[in-house]
Amino acid sequence: MKNAISLLALTMTASGVITSNRFVTPAGAVAGAGVNAQGVSDTDAAIGDKLAVHTLGTAIVETGAAIAAGALIETDATGRAITKAAGATVARLAPGEVSTAAGQFVEVVLIPN
């Protein structure tokens, strides 16, 4: 089990179905590919549910692909972490973290954007 250090978690209302450990937009939806994110969801949520979104500090997020140690992170189309290409930078892999495939859970340092 991985640990995270959340310095600020905001309560948001889900405007769409949200899966835990995914990036979430300021509108309360799962972040799309390369977009800005408010933070990372703490739990699953249905439309209209309240949920905690970690916005500052570190968070545990699901990966959408392999990610090298120390890499900058952007979101894929389902709100998972992938290596930054051309999208908004939303995080960086925390020290000692690496992902070898999609579907793994890693600690990231959130970058306000």
PDB file of N, CA and C in Angstrom:
ATOM      1  N   MET A   1       0.845  -1.187   0.000  1.00  0.00           N
ATOM      2  CA  MET A   1       0.000   0.000   0.000  1.00  0.00           C
ATOM      3  C   MET A   1       0.888   1.248   0.000  1.00  0.00           C
ATOM      4  N   LYS A   2       0.573   2.162  -0.863  1.00  0.00           N
ATOM      5  CA  LYS A   2       1.343   3.397  -0.951  1.00  0.00           C
ATOM      6  C   LYS A   2       0.709   4.477  -0.081  1.00  0.00           C
ATOM      7  N   ASN A   3       1.547   5.378   0.381  1.00  0.00           N
ATOM      8  CA  ASN A   3       1.081   6.502   1.186  1.00  0.00           C
ATOM      9  C   ASN A   3       1.273   7.789   0.417  1.00  0.00           C
ATOM     10  N   ALA A   4       0.461   8.784   0.737  1.00  0.00           N
ATOM     11  CA  ALA A   4       0.580  10.109   0.145  1.00  0.00           C
ATOM     12  C   ALA A   4       0.496  11.142   1.258  1.00  0.00           C
ATOM     13  N   ILE A   5       0.974  12.335   0.960  1.00  0.00           N
ATOM     14  CA  ILE A   5       0.916  13.440   1.922  1.00  0.00           C
ATOM     15  C   ILE A   5       0.084  14.553   1.293  1.00  0.00           C
ATOM     16  N   SER A   6      -1.181  14.591   1.649  1.00  0.00           N
ATOM     17  CA  SER A   6      -2.071  15.617   1.124  1.00  0.00           C
ATOM     18  C   SER A   6      -1.995  16.843   2.025  1.00  0.00           C
ATOM     19  N   LEU A   7      -1.575  17.965   1.442  1.00  0.00           N
ATOM     20  CA  LEU A   7      -1.524  19.216   2.196  1.00  0.00           C
ATOM     21  C   LEU A   7      -2.831  19.985   2.088  1.00  0.00           C
ATOM     22  N   LEU A   8      -3.594  19.719   1.023  1.00  0.00           N
ATOM     23  CA  LEU A   8      -4.886  20.375   0.836  1.00  0.00           C
ATOM     24  C   LEU A   8      -5.785  19.483   0.006  1.00  0.00           C
ATOM     25  N   ALA A   9      -6.905  19.071   0.584  1.00  0.00           N
ATOM     26  CA  ALA A   9      -7.923  18.311  -0.132  1.00  0.00           C
ATOM     27  C   ALA A   9      -9.197  19.145  -0.132  1.00  0.00           C
ATOM     28  N   LEU A  10      -9.768  19.330  -1.299  1.00  0.00           N
ATOM     29  CA  LEU A  10     -11.000  20.108  -1.430  1.00  0.00           C
ATOM     30  C   LEU A  10     -12.174  19.180  -1.685  1.00  0.00           C
ATOM     31  N   THR A  11     -13.327  19.514  -1.112  1.00  0.00           N
ATOM     32  CA  THR A  11     -14.541  18.765  -1.389  1.00  0.00           C
ATOM     33  C   THR A  11     -15.159  19.319  -2.669  1.00  0.00           C
ATOM     34  N   MET A  12     -15.409  18.424  -3.617  1.00  0.00           N
ATOM     35  CA  MET A  12     -16.006  18.825  -4.894  1.00  0.00           C
ATOM     36  C   MET A  12     -17.245  17.978  -5.145  1.00  0.00           C
ATOM     37  N   THR A  13     -18.112  18.450  -6.022  1.00  0.00           N
ATOM     38  CA  THR A  13     -19.269  17.690  -6.467  1.00  0.00           C
ATOM     39  C   THR A  13     -18.962  17.114  -7.837  1.00  0.00           C
ATOM     40  N   ALA A  14     -19.133  15.805  -7.974  1.00  0.00           N
ATOM     41  CA  ALA A  14     -18.838  15.140  -9.243  1.00  0.00           C
ATOM     42  C   ALA A  14     -19.866  15.532 -10.304  1.00  0.00           C
ATOM     43  N   SER A  15     -19.378  16.012 -11.447  1.00  0.00           N
ATOM     44  CA  SER A  15     -20.275  16.335 -12.557  1.00  0.00           C
ATOM     45  C   SER A  15     -20.324  15.183 -13.559  1.00  0.00           C
ATOM     46  N   GLY A  16     -19.549  14.153 -13.291  1.00  0.00           N
ATOM     47  CA  GLY A  16     -19.534  12.936 -14.097  1.00  0.00           C
ATOM     48  C   GLY A  16     -19.098  11.795 -13.204  1.00  0.00           C
ATOM     49  N   VAL A  17     -19.138  10.584 -13.717  1.00  0.00           N
ATOM     50  CA  VAL A  17     -18.685   9.429 -12.951  1.00  0.00           C
ATOM     51  C   VAL A  17     -17.165   9.510 -12.821  1.00  0.00           C
ATOM     52  N   ILE A  18     -16.669   9.369 -11.597  1.00  0.00           N
ATOM     53  CA  ILE A  18     -15.236   9.505 -11.318  1.00  0.00           C
ATOM     54  C   ILE A  18     -14.729   8.228 -10.657  1.00  0.00           C
ATOM     55  N   THR A  19     -13.590   7.767 -11.129  1.00  0.00           N
ATOM     56  CA  THR A  19     -12.911   6.611 -10.550  1.00  0.00           C
ATOM     57  C   THR A  19     -11.832   7.122  -9.610  1.00  0.00           C
ATOM     58  N   SER A  20     -11.646   6.439  -8.497  1.00  0.00           N
ATOM     59  CA  SER A  20     -10.623   6.872  -7.536  1.00  0.00           C
ATOM     60  C   SER A  20      -9.240   6.847  -8.168  1.00  0.00           C
ATOM     61  N   ASN A  21      -8.379   7.713  -7.647  1.00  0.00           N
ATOM     62  CA  ASN A  21      -6.981   7.808  -8.070  1.00  0.00           C
ATOM     63  C   ASN A  21      -6.825   8.270  -9.514  1.00  0.00           C
ATOM     64  N   ARG A  22      -7.727   9.127  -9.954  1.00  0.00           N
ATOM     65  CA  ARG A  22      -7.655   9.734 -11.287  1.00  0.00           C
ATOM     66  C   ARG A  22      -7.634  11.251 -11.137  1.00  0.00           C
ATOM     67  N   PHE A  23      -7.072  11.926 -12.119  1.00  0.00           N
ATOM     68  CA  PHE A  23      -7.068  13.387 -12.125  1.00  0.00           C
ATOM     69  C   PHE A  23      -8.475  13.901 -12.418  1.00  0.00           C
ATOM     70  N   VAL A  24      -8.841  14.998 -11.739  1.00  0.00           N
ATOM     71  CA  VAL A  24     -10.177  15.590 -11.820  1.00  0.00           C
ATOM     72  C   VAL A  24     -10.044  17.060 -12.216  1.00  0.00           C
ATOM     73  N   THR A  25     -10.950  17.543 -13.059  1.00  0.00           N
ATOM     74  CA  THR A  25     -10.949  18.943 -13.496  1.00  0.00           C
ATOM     75  C   THR A  25     -11.602  19.837 -12.450  1.00  0.00           C
ATOM     76  N   PRO A  26     -11.414  21.159 -12.573  1.00  0.00           N
ATOM     77  CA  PRO A  26     -12.093  22.085 -11.656  1.00  0.00           C
ATOM     78  C   PRO A  26     -13.620  21.989 -11.740  1.00  0.00           C
ATOM     79  N   ALA A  27     -14.140  21.437 -12.850  1.00  0.00           N
ATOM     80  CA  ALA A  27     -15.587  21.284 -13.016  1.00  0.00           C
ATOM     81  C   ALA A  27     -16.122  20.014 -12.362  1.00  0.00           C
ATOM     82  N   GLY A  28     -15.231  19.191 -11.789  1.00  0.00           N
ATOM     83  CA  GLY A  28     -15.677  17.978 -11.117  1.00  0.00           C
ATOM     84  C   GLY A  28     -15.831  16.779 -12.027  1.00  0.00           C
ATOM     85  N   ALA A  29     -15.161  16.789 -13.161  1.00  0.00           N
ATOM     86  CA  ALA A  29     -15.203  15.668 -14.099  1.00  0.00           C
ATOM     87  C   ALA A  29     -13.821  15.026 -14.193  1.00  0.00           C
ATOM     88  N   VAL A  30     -13.765  13.806 -14.710  1.00  0.00           N
ATOM     89  CA  VAL A  30     -12.477  13.162 -14.952  1.00  0.00           C
ATOM     90  C   VAL A  30     -11.729  13.984 -15.992  1.00  0.00           C
ATOM     91  N   ALA A  31     -10.459  14.244 -15.737  1.00  0.00           N
ATOM     92  CA  ALA A  31      -9.644  15.038 -16.667  1.00  0.00           C
ATOM     93  C   ALA A  31      -9.446  14.283 -17.978  1.00  0.00           C
ATOM     94  N   GLY A  32      -9.534  15.006 -19.082  1.00  0.00           N
ATOM     95  CA  GLY A  32      -9.269  14.439 -20.394  1.00  0.00           C
ATOM     96  C   GLY A  32      -7.792  14.520 -20.717  1.00  0.00           C
ATOM     97  N   ALA A  33      -7.455  14.119 -21.905  1.00  0.00           N
ATOM     98  CA  ALA A  33      -6.054  14.064 -22.328  1.00  0.00           C
ATOM     99  C   ALA A  33      -5.401  15.440 -22.332  1.00  0.00           C
ATOM    100  N   GLY A  34      -4.326  15.583 -21.568  1.00  0.00           N
ATOM    101  CA  GLY A  34      -3.491  16.778 -21.591  1.00  0.00           C
ATOM    102  C   GLY A  34      -4.081  18.044 -21.022  1.00  0.00           C
ATOM    103  N   VAL A  35      -5.202  17.951 -20.298  1.00  0.00           N
ATOM    104  CA  VAL A  35      -5.852  19.167 -19.787  1.00  0.00           C
ATOM    105  C   VAL A  35      -5.372  19.511 -18.375  1.00  0.00           C
ATOM    106  N   ASN A  36      -5.677  20.729 -17.929  1.00  0.00           N
ATOM    107  CA  ASN A  36      -5.402  21.122 -16.554  1.00  0.00           C
ATOM    108  C   ASN A  36      -6.265  20.301 -15.604  1.00  0.00           C
ATOM    109  N   ALA A  37      -5.756  20.078 -14.414  1.00  0.00           N
ATOM    110  CA  ALA A  37      -6.483  19.299 -13.420  1.00  0.00           C
ATOM    111  C   ALA A  37      -6.510  20.042 -12.091  1.00  0.00           C
ATOM    112  N   GLN A  38      -7.607  19.890 -11.372  1.00  0.00           N
ATOM    113  CA  GLN A  38      -7.728  20.462 -10.024  1.00  0.00           C
ATOM    114  C   GLN A  38      -6.918  19.631  -9.041  1.00  0.00           C
ATOM    115  N   GLY A  39      -6.914  18.313  -9.232  1.00  0.00           N
ATOM    116  CA  GLY A  39      -6.207  17.418  -8.332  1.00  0.00           C
ATOM    117  C   GLY A  39      -6.539  15.977  -8.638  1.00  0.00           C
ATOM    118  N   VAL A  40      -6.401  15.115  -7.623  1.00  0.00           N
ATOM    119  CA  VAL A  40      -6.595  13.678  -7.776  1.00  0.00           C
ATOM    120  C   VAL A  40      -7.728  13.217  -6.863  1.00  0.00           C
ATOM    121  N   SER A  41      -8.643  12.411  -7.411  1.00  0.00           N
ATOM    122  CA  SER A  41      -9.778  11.898  -6.643  1.00  0.00           C
ATOM    123  C   SER A  41      -9.319  10.900  -5.590  1.00  0.00           C
ATOM    124  N   ASP A  42      -9.998  10.931  -4.463  1.00  0.00           N
ATOM    125  CA  ASP A  42      -9.687  10.043  -3.349  1.00  0.00           C
ATOM    126  C   ASP A  42     -10.546   8.783  -3.391  1.00  0.00           C
ATOM    127  N   THR A  43     -11.740   8.894  -3.973  1.00  0.00           N
ATOM    128  CA  THR A  43     -12.698   7.786  -3.999  1.00  0.00           C
ATOM    129  C   THR A  43     -13.437   7.777  -5.332  1.00  0.00           C
ATOM    130  N   ASP A  44     -14.182   6.704  -5.567  1.00  0.00           N
ATOM    131  CA  ASP A  44     -15.105   6.669  -6.699  1.00  0.00           C
ATOM    132  C   ASP A  44     -16.269   7.603  -6.382  1.00  0.00           C
ATOM    133  N   ALA A  45     -16.883   8.170  -7.421  1.00  0.00           N
ATOM    134  CA  ALA A  45     -18.039   9.042  -7.200  1.00  0.00           C
ATOM    135  C   ALA A  45     -18.981   8.967  -8.392  1.00  0.00           C
ATOM    136  N   ALA A  46     -20.262   8.993  -8.102  1.00  0.00           N
ATOM    137  CA  ALA A  46     -21.296   9.076  -9.135  1.00  0.00           C
ATOM    138  C   ALA A  46     -21.647  10.545  -9.336  1.00  0.00           C
ATOM    139  N   ILE A  47     -22.362  10.854 -10.394  1.00  0.00           N
ATOM    140  CA  ILE A  47     -22.777  12.231 -10.662  1.00  0.00           C
ATOM    141  C   ILE A  47     -23.542  12.764  -9.449  1.00  0.00           C
ATOM    142  N   GLY A  48     -23.129  13.945  -8.978  1.00  0.00           N
ATOM    143  CA  GLY A  48     -23.781  14.588  -7.841  1.00  0.00           C
ATOM    144  C   GLY A  48     -23.180  14.240  -6.493  1.00  0.00           C
ATOM    145  N   ASP A  49     -22.332  13.205  -6.430  1.00  0.00           N
ATOM    146  CA  ASP A  49     -21.685  12.839  -5.163  1.00  0.00           C
ATOM    147  C   ASP A  49     -20.624  13.856  -4.783  1.00  0.00           C
ATOM    148  N   LYS A  50     -20.409  14.014  -3.494  1.00  0.00           N
ATOM    149  CA  LYS A  50     -19.294  14.809  -2.980  1.00  0.00           C
ATOM    150  C   LYS A  50     -18.082  13.893  -2.874  1.00  0.00           C
ATOM    151  N   LEU A  51     -16.904  14.434  -3.182  1.00  0.00           N
ATOM    152  CA  LEU A  51     -15.687  13.653  -3.052  1.00  0.00           C
ATOM    153  C   LEU A  51     -14.526  14.555  -2.695  1.00  0.00           C
ATOM    154  N   ALA A  52     -13.513  13.970  -2.059  1.00  0.00           N
ATOM    155  CA  ALA A  52     -12.293  14.702  -1.722  1.00  0.00           C
ATOM    156  C   ALA A  52     -11.352  14.648  -2.919  1.00  0.00           C
ATOM    157  N   VAL A  53     -10.799  15.816  -3.266  1.00  0.00           N
ATOM    158  CA  VAL A  53      -9.825  15.909  -4.356  1.00  0.00           C
ATOM    159  C   VAL A  53      -8.553  16.519  -3.782  1.00  0.00           C
ATOM    160  N   HIS A  54      -7.466  15.751  -3.834  1.00  0.00           N
ATOM    161  CA  HIS A  54      -6.177  16.217  -3.322  1.00  0.00           C
ATOM    162  C   HIS A  54      -5.585  17.202  -4.323  1.00  0.00           C
ATOM    163  N   THR A  55      -5.334  18.425  -3.862  1.00  0.00           N
ATOM    164  CA  THR A  55      -4.907  19.489  -4.768  1.00  0.00           C
ATOM    165  C   THR A  55      -3.486  19.984  -4.520  1.00  0.00           C
ATOM    166  N   LEU A  56      -2.937  19.673  -3.357  1.00  0.00           N
ATOM    167  CA  LEU A  56      -1.595  20.140  -3.010  1.00  0.00           C
ATOM    168  C   LEU A  56      -0.914  19.077  -2.168  1.00  0.00           C
ATOM    169  N   GLY A  57       0.346  18.816  -2.458  1.00  0.00           N
ATOM    170  CA  GLY A  57       1.097  17.787  -1.749  1.00  0.00           C
ATOM    171  C   GLY A  57       1.361  16.631  -2.686  1.00  0.00           C
ATOM    172  N   THR A  58       1.250  15.398  -2.161  1.00  0.00           N
ATOM    173  CA  THR A  58       1.405  14.222  -3.009  1.00  0.00           C
ATOM    174  C   THR A  58       0.092  13.452  -3.024  1.00  0.00           C
ATOM    175  N   ALA A  59      -0.069  12.626  -4.054  1.00  0.00           N
ATOM    176  CA  ALA A  59      -1.276  11.815  -4.191  1.00  0.00           C
ATOM    177  C   ALA A  59      -0.912  10.509  -4.876  1.00  0.00           C
ATOM    178  N   ILE A  60      -1.756   9.507  -4.684  1.00  0.00           N
ATOM    179  CA  ILE A  60      -1.597   8.233  -5.372  1.00  0.00           C
ATOM    180  C   ILE A  60      -2.500   8.268  -6.600  1.00  0.00           C
ATOM    181  N   VAL A  61      -1.920   7.970  -7.763  1.00  0.00           N
ATOM    182  CA  VAL A  61      -2.657   8.044  -9.016  1.00  0.00           C
ATOM    183  C   VAL A  61      -2.395   6.791  -9.846  1.00  0.00           C
ATOM    184  N   GLU A  62      -3.389   6.394 -10.623  1.00  0.00           N
ATOM    185  CA  GLU A  62      -3.245   5.249 -11.523  1.00  0.00           C
ATOM    186  C   GLU A  62      -2.528   5.686 -12.796  1.00  0.00           C
ATOM    187  N   THR A  63      -1.658   4.831 -13.302  1.00  0.00           N
ATOM    188  CA  THR A  63      -0.917   5.154 -14.522  1.00  0.00           C
ATOM    189  C   THR A  63      -1.634   4.625 -15.761  1.00  0.00           C
ATOM    190  N   GLY A  64      -1.414   5.331 -16.875  1.00  0.00           N
ATOM    191  CA  GLY A  64      -1.973   4.911 -18.156  1.00  0.00           C
ATOM    192  C   GLY A  64      -0.930   4.306 -19.068  1.00  0.00           C
ATOM    193  N   ALA A  65       0.325   4.254 -18.617  1.00  0.00           N
ATOM    194  CA  ALA A  65       1.441   3.722 -19.400  1.00  0.00           C
ATOM    195  C   ALA A  65       2.662   3.648 -18.493  1.00  0.00           C
ATOM    196  N   ALA A  66       3.743   3.106 -19.010  1.00  0.00           N
ATOM    197  CA  ALA A  66       5.006   3.112 -18.270  1.00  0.00           C
ATOM    198  C   ALA A  66       5.481   4.553 -18.129  1.00  0.00           C
ATOM    199  N   ILE A  67       6.070   4.882 -16.968  1.00  0.00           N
ATOM    200  CA  ILE A  67       6.575   6.225 -16.706  1.00  0.00           C
ATOM    201  C   ILE A  67       7.935   6.096 -16.030  1.00  0.00           C
ATOM    202  N   ALA A  68       8.925   6.791 -16.553  1.00  0.00           N
ATOM    203  CA  ALA A  68      10.279   6.745 -16.000  1.00  0.00           C
ATOM    204  C   ALA A  68      10.372   7.533 -14.697  1.00  0.00           C
ATOM    205  N   ALA A  69      11.334   7.174 -13.875  1.00  0.00           N
ATOM    206  CA  ALA A  69      11.569   7.862 -12.606  1.00  0.00           C
ATOM    207  C   ALA A  69      11.769   9.357 -12.826  1.00  0.00           C
ATOM    208  N   GLY A  70      11.120  10.165 -12.004  1.00  0.00           N
ATOM    209  CA  GLY A  70      11.290  11.613 -12.045  1.00  0.00           C
ATOM    210  C   GLY A  70      10.580  12.327 -13.181  1.00  0.00           C
ATOM    211  N   ALA A  71       9.826  11.603 -13.988  1.00  0.00           N
ATOM    212  CA  ALA A  71       9.179  12.197 -15.163  1.00  0.00           C
ATOM    213  C   ALA A  71       8.078  13.176 -14.788  1.00  0.00           C
ATOM    214  N   LEU A  72       7.900  14.192 -15.639  1.00  0.00           N
ATOM    215  CA  LEU A  72       6.746  15.077 -15.530  1.00  0.00           C
ATOM    216  C   LEU A  72       5.519  14.321 -16.031  1.00  0.00           C
ATOM    217  N   ILE A  73       4.348  14.684 -15.490  1.00  0.00           N
ATOM    218  CA  ILE A  73       3.113  13.953 -15.753  1.00  0.00           C
ATOM    219  C   ILE A  73       2.063  14.858 -16.396  1.00  0.00           C
ATOM    220  N   GLU A  74       1.338  14.285 -17.367  1.00  0.00           N
ATOM    221  CA  GLU A  74       0.100  14.872 -17.884  1.00  0.00           C
ATOM    222  C   GLU A  74      -0.967  13.790 -17.799  1.00  0.00           C
ATOM    223  N   THR A  75      -2.182  14.105 -18.173  1.00  0.00           N
ATOM    224  CA  THR A  75      -3.280  13.144 -18.067  1.00  0.00           C
ATOM    225  C   THR A  75      -3.576  12.497 -19.417  1.00  0.00           C
ATOM    226  N   ASP A  76      -4.048  11.247 -19.360  1.00  0.00           N
ATOM    227  CA  ASP A  76      -4.541  10.616 -20.585  1.00  0.00           C
ATOM    228  C   ASP A  76      -6.045  10.873 -20.675  1.00  0.00           C
ATOM    229  N   ALA A  77      -6.718  10.280 -21.640  1.00  0.00           N
ATOM    230  CA  ALA A  77      -8.142  10.548 -21.875  1.00  0.00           C
ATOM    231  C   ALA A  77      -9.041  10.065 -20.743  1.00  0.00           C
ATOM    232  N   THR A  78      -8.530   9.227 -19.851  1.00  0.00           N
ATOM    233  CA  THR A  78      -9.338   8.719 -18.741  1.00  0.00           C
ATOM    234  C   THR A  78      -8.851   9.216 -17.386  1.00  0.00           C
ATOM    235  N   GLY A  79      -8.023  10.272 -17.375  1.00  0.00           N
ATOM    236  CA  GLY A  79      -7.568  10.877 -16.131  1.00  0.00           C
ATOM    237  C   GLY A  79      -6.415  10.176 -15.457  1.00  0.00           C
ATOM    238  N   ARG A  80      -5.811   9.199 -16.144  1.00  0.00           N
ATOM    239  CA  ARG A  80      -4.653   8.514 -15.564  1.00  0.00           C
ATOM    240  C   ARG A  80      -3.377   9.286 -15.874  1.00  0.00           C
ATOM    241  N   ALA A  81      -2.315   8.978 -15.132  1.00  0.00           N
ATOM    242  CA  ALA A  81      -1.019   9.636 -15.304  1.00  0.00           C
ATOM    243  C   ALA A  81      -0.250   9.009 -16.463  1.00  0.00           C
ATOM    244  N   ILE A  82       0.315   9.861 -17.330  1.00  0.00           N
ATOM    245  CA  ILE A  82       1.216   9.421 -18.392  1.00  0.00           C
ATOM    246  C   ILE A  82       2.372  10.416 -18.467  1.00  0.00           C
ATOM    247  N   THR A  83       3.446  10.018 -19.135  1.00  0.00           N
ATOM    248  CA  THR A  83       4.592  10.908 -19.296  1.00  0.00           C
ATOM    249  C   THR A  83       4.180  12.132 -20.094  1.00  0.00           C
ATOM    250  N   LYS A  84       4.601  13.312 -19.634  1.00  0.00           N
ATOM    251  CA  LYS A  84       4.252  14.562 -20.314  1.00  0.00           C
ATOM    252  C   LYS A  84       4.803  14.575 -21.726  1.00  0.00           C
ATOM    253  N   ALA A  85       3.919  14.936 -22.660  1.00  0.00           N
ATOM    254  CA  ALA A  85       4.310  15.125 -24.060  1.00  0.00           C
ATOM    255  C   ALA A  85       4.027  16.584 -24.416  1.00  0.00           C
ATOM    256  N   ALA A  86       2.774  16.902 -24.702  1.00  0.00           N
ATOM    257  CA  ALA A  86       2.421  18.264 -25.097  1.00  0.00           C
ATOM    258  C   ALA A  86       1.320  18.870 -24.242  1.00  0.00           C
ATOM    259  N   GLY A  87       0.780  18.110 -23.300  1.00  0.00           N
ATOM    260  CA  GLY A  87      -0.315  18.607 -22.476  1.00  0.00           C
ATOM    261  C   GLY A  87       0.160  19.398 -21.272  1.00  0.00           C
ATOM    262  N   ALA A  88      -0.804  19.782 -20.449  1.00  0.00           N
ATOM    263  CA  ALA A  88      -0.509  20.536 -19.227  1.00  0.00           C
ATOM    264  C   ALA A  88       0.228  19.653 -18.234  1.00  0.00           C
ATOM    265  N   THR A  89       1.239  20.204 -17.588  1.00  0.00           N
ATOM    266  CA  THR A  89       1.974  19.487 -16.539  1.00  0.00           C
ATOM    267  C   THR A  89       1.151  19.538 -15.260  1.00  0.00           C
ATOM    268  N   VAL A  90       0.744  18.367 -14.761  1.00  0.00           N
ATOM    269  CA  VAL A  90      -0.091  18.310 -13.562  1.00  0.00           C
ATOM    270  C   VAL A  90       0.630  17.724 -12.354  1.00  0.00           C
ATOM    271  N   ALA A  91       1.776  17.044 -12.591  1.00  0.00           N
ATOM    272  CA  ALA A  91       2.503  16.410 -11.492  1.00  0.00           C
ATOM    273  C   ALA A  91       3.875  15.948 -11.970  1.00  0.00           C
ATOM    274  N   ARG A  92       4.638  15.418 -11.024  1.00  0.00           N
ATOM    275  CA  ARG A  92       5.925  14.758 -11.297  1.00  0.00           C
ATOM    276  C   ARG A  92       5.947  13.497 -10.438  1.00  0.00           C
ATOM    277  N   LEU A  93       6.531  12.415 -10.951  1.00  0.00           N
ATOM    278  CA  LEU A  93       6.659  11.216 -10.126  1.00  0.00           C
ATOM    279  C   LEU A  93       7.467  11.550  -8.879  1.00  0.00           C
ATOM    280  N   ALA A  94       7.001  11.072  -7.743  1.00  0.00           N
ATOM    281  CA  ALA A  94       7.704  11.294  -6.479  1.00  0.00           C
ATOM    282  C   ALA A  94       9.023  10.516  -6.493  1.00  0.00           C
ATOM    283  N   PRO A  95      10.000  10.961  -5.720  1.00  0.00           N
ATOM    284  CA  PRO A  95      11.284  10.253  -5.658  1.00  0.00           C
ATOM    285  C   PRO A  95      11.086   8.769  -5.341  1.00  0.00           C
ATOM    286  N   GLY A  96      11.796   7.938  -6.075  1.00  0.00           N
ATOM    287  CA  GLY A  96      11.726   6.496  -5.868  1.00  0.00           C
ATOM    288  C   GLY A  96      10.587   5.797  -6.575  1.00  0.00           C
ATOM    289  N   GLU A  97       9.732   6.547  -7.256  1.00  0.00           N
ATOM    290  CA  GLU A  97       8.590   5.956  -7.952  1.00  0.00           C
ATOM    291  C   GLU A  97       8.922   5.706  -9.417  1.00  0.00           C
ATOM    292  N   VAL A  98       8.362   4.652  -9.986  1.00  0.00           N
ATOM    293  CA  VAL A  98       8.477   4.325 -11.400  1.00  0.00           C
ATOM    294  C   VAL A  98       7.275   3.452 -11.761  1.00  0.00           C
ATOM    295  N   SER A  99       6.810   3.542 -12.991  1.00  0.00           N
ATOM    296  CA  SER A  99       5.723   2.695 -13.463  1.00  0.00           C
ATOM    297  C   SER A  99       6.222   1.916 -14.672  1.00  0.00           C
ATOM    298  N   THR A 100       6.024   0.608 -14.662  1.00  0.00           N
ATOM    299  CA  THR A 100       6.473  -0.224 -15.776  1.00  0.00           C
ATOM    300  C   THR A 100       5.356  -0.569 -16.744  1.00  0.00           C
ATOM    301  N   ALA A 101       4.107  -0.216 -16.401  1.00  0.00           N
ATOM    302  CA  ALA A 101       2.969  -0.526 -17.271  1.00  0.00           C
ATOM    303  C   ALA A 101       1.739   0.267 -16.821  1.00  0.00           C
ATOM    304  N   ALA A 102       0.731   0.272 -17.662  1.00  0.00           N
ATOM    305  CA  ALA A 102      -0.547   0.903 -17.308  1.00  0.00           C
ATOM    306  C   ALA A 102      -1.194   0.130 -16.158  1.00  0.00           C
ATOM    307  N   GLY A 103      -2.005   0.832 -15.368  1.00  0.00           N
ATOM    308  CA  GLY A 103      -2.758   0.197 -14.302  1.00  0.00           C
ATOM    309  C   GLY A 103      -2.032   0.099 -12.978  1.00  0.00           C
ATOM    310  N   GLN A 104      -0.828   0.637 -12.903  1.00  0.00           N
ATOM    311  CA  GLN A 104      -0.104   0.642 -11.637  1.00  0.00           C
ATOM    312  C   GLN A 104      -0.446   1.917 -10.865  1.00  0.00           C
ATOM    313  N   PHE A 105      -0.176   1.912  -9.574  1.00  0.00           N
ATOM    314  CA  PHE A 105      -0.454   3.068  -8.728  1.00  0.00           C
ATOM    315  C   PHE A 105       0.865   3.628  -8.215  1.00  0.00           C
ATOM    316  N   VAL A 106       1.069   4.932  -8.437  1.00  0.00           N
ATOM    317  CA  VAL A 106       2.316   5.593  -8.061  1.00  0.00           C
ATOM    318  C   VAL A 106       2.004   6.861  -7.272  1.00  0.00           C
ATOM    319  N   GLU A 107       2.977   7.285  -6.474  1.00  0.00           N
ATOM    320  CA  GLU A 107       2.861   8.554  -5.766  1.00  0.00           C
ATOM    321  C   GLU A 107       3.402   9.655  -6.659  1.00  0.00           C
ATOM    322  N   VAL A 108       2.662  10.747  -6.775  1.00  0.00           N
ATOM    323  CA  VAL A 108       3.102  11.901  -7.566  1.00  0.00           C
ATOM    324  C   VAL A 108       3.101  13.143  -6.696  1.00  0.00           C
ATOM    325  N   VAL A 109       3.969  14.077  -7.049  1.00  0.00           N
ATOM    326  CA  VAL A 109       3.981  15.405  -6.428  1.00  0.00           C
ATOM    327  C   VAL A 109       3.113  16.288  -7.308  1.00  0.00           C
ATOM    328  N   LEU A 110       2.010  16.780  -6.753  1.00  0.00           N
ATOM    329  CA  LEU A 110       1.074  17.588  -7.535  1.00  0.00           C
ATOM    330  C   LEU A 110       1.656  18.953  -7.863  1.00  0.00           C
ATOM    331  N   ILE A 111       1.416  19.419  -9.086  1.00  0.00           N
ATOM    332  CA  ILE A 111       1.863  20.726  -9.532  1.00  0.00           C
ATOM    333  C   ILE A 111       0.624  21.557  -9.848  1.00  0.00           C
ATOM    334  N   PRO A 112       0.356  22.605  -9.065  1.00  0.00           N
ATOM    335  CA  PRO A 112      -0.820  23.454  -9.365  1.00  0.00           C
ATOM    336  C   PRO A 112      -0.720  24.007 -10.781  1.00  0.00           C
ATOM    337  N   ASN A 113      -1.852  23.969 -11.480  1.00  0.00           N
ATOM    338  CA  ASN A 113      -1.868  24.438 -12.869  1.00  0.00           C
ATOM    339  C   ASN A 113      -3.187  25.078 -13.230  1.00  0.00           C
TER     340      ASN A 113
END
